[in-house]
Amino acid sequence: MTPNHWLLLARRINELLDAEPNISGVVVTHGTDTMEETAYFLHLTIKHVRPVVLTGSMRSATAISADGPANLLAAVRVAADTKAAGRGVLVVLNDEIHSARDVRKTDNNRMDTFVSAEWGALGVVDSDGVTFRRSSETLHTVHALPSLAGVETLPVVPIVADFAGNDAAVLRSWAEREVAGVVVQAFGGGRASPEMRRAITEIASEGTPVVLASRVAEGRVIGSEQQAEAGIVAAGDLPPHRARVLLMLALLQSRDAKEIQAIFDTH
């Protein structure tokens, strides 16, 4: 999957829902490695309240007790349920319903790998029906960023990981390629190693927005007005790969760090 695939998929789903008012919802089957990015991109770009549900499998079709058929059935049941409307794009596996914004793949092998550890699942799929217990409060779908009509390519945004003893050479090399923005996978709370801090400040001061996300699984990266003035954006509770998706879309609207921060605070 690439950003070009995201654009094509979002366009296809929007066109389908525009043309077919009797469709209850849409199910997308997807590999689990990059499902989070695709789901969150669609969460921000589908302009309908009817449900779009992503699902996949952790066991191949030839494995004993393959989970693909059960996951597909559960996803269809959710997409057809009227209670799923208006909740944004959903991810359904292992009979659990998650918001595309919150869900994370947490295990390389187990079928219960997709969880929303910090905020919790939205609901479950049981034998007697679909049950919801909460909704996502951030902006999505019809209330999110403007339509992508006419957008053919997305801005180039790399993710650069920090680590102990980092000399920031990779971050500086990306900046030299004049990318649209950068997401830094920093330490807890968005803290960075000394050389990375210097490079981040320099790159942001030259007009390239830098988003600070954390490699820690839970908890927000909290920004400040001083950071925004310096061109640095706090990712909040978005992990680096999801912060990249939002930054790519935010850059279609603005390159101003304060305006981008406002988007991150609400989406």
Foldseek 3Di string as FASTA:
>chain_A
DDVLVLVVVLVVQQVVCVVDVPQQEEEDEDDPPCQLQSQLLSQQAAAFQQEYEYEYWLDDPPDPPTFGVVQVVLRVQLSNDPVSGNQGYWYTFPQFIARSQQWDQQDNHDRVRIFRVPPGTQWGQDPVGTDGDDGDQFDGHNRHDDHCVPPNDWFDEEEAEADPPDQCPVVVVVVVVVGQAYEYAAAPLLDHDPNNVVSQLVSQQVQHAYERAYPDQAFFNDDDPVCLVSRYATQTNGHRSNSRSLVRRVVVPDSRSVSSNVNSVRD
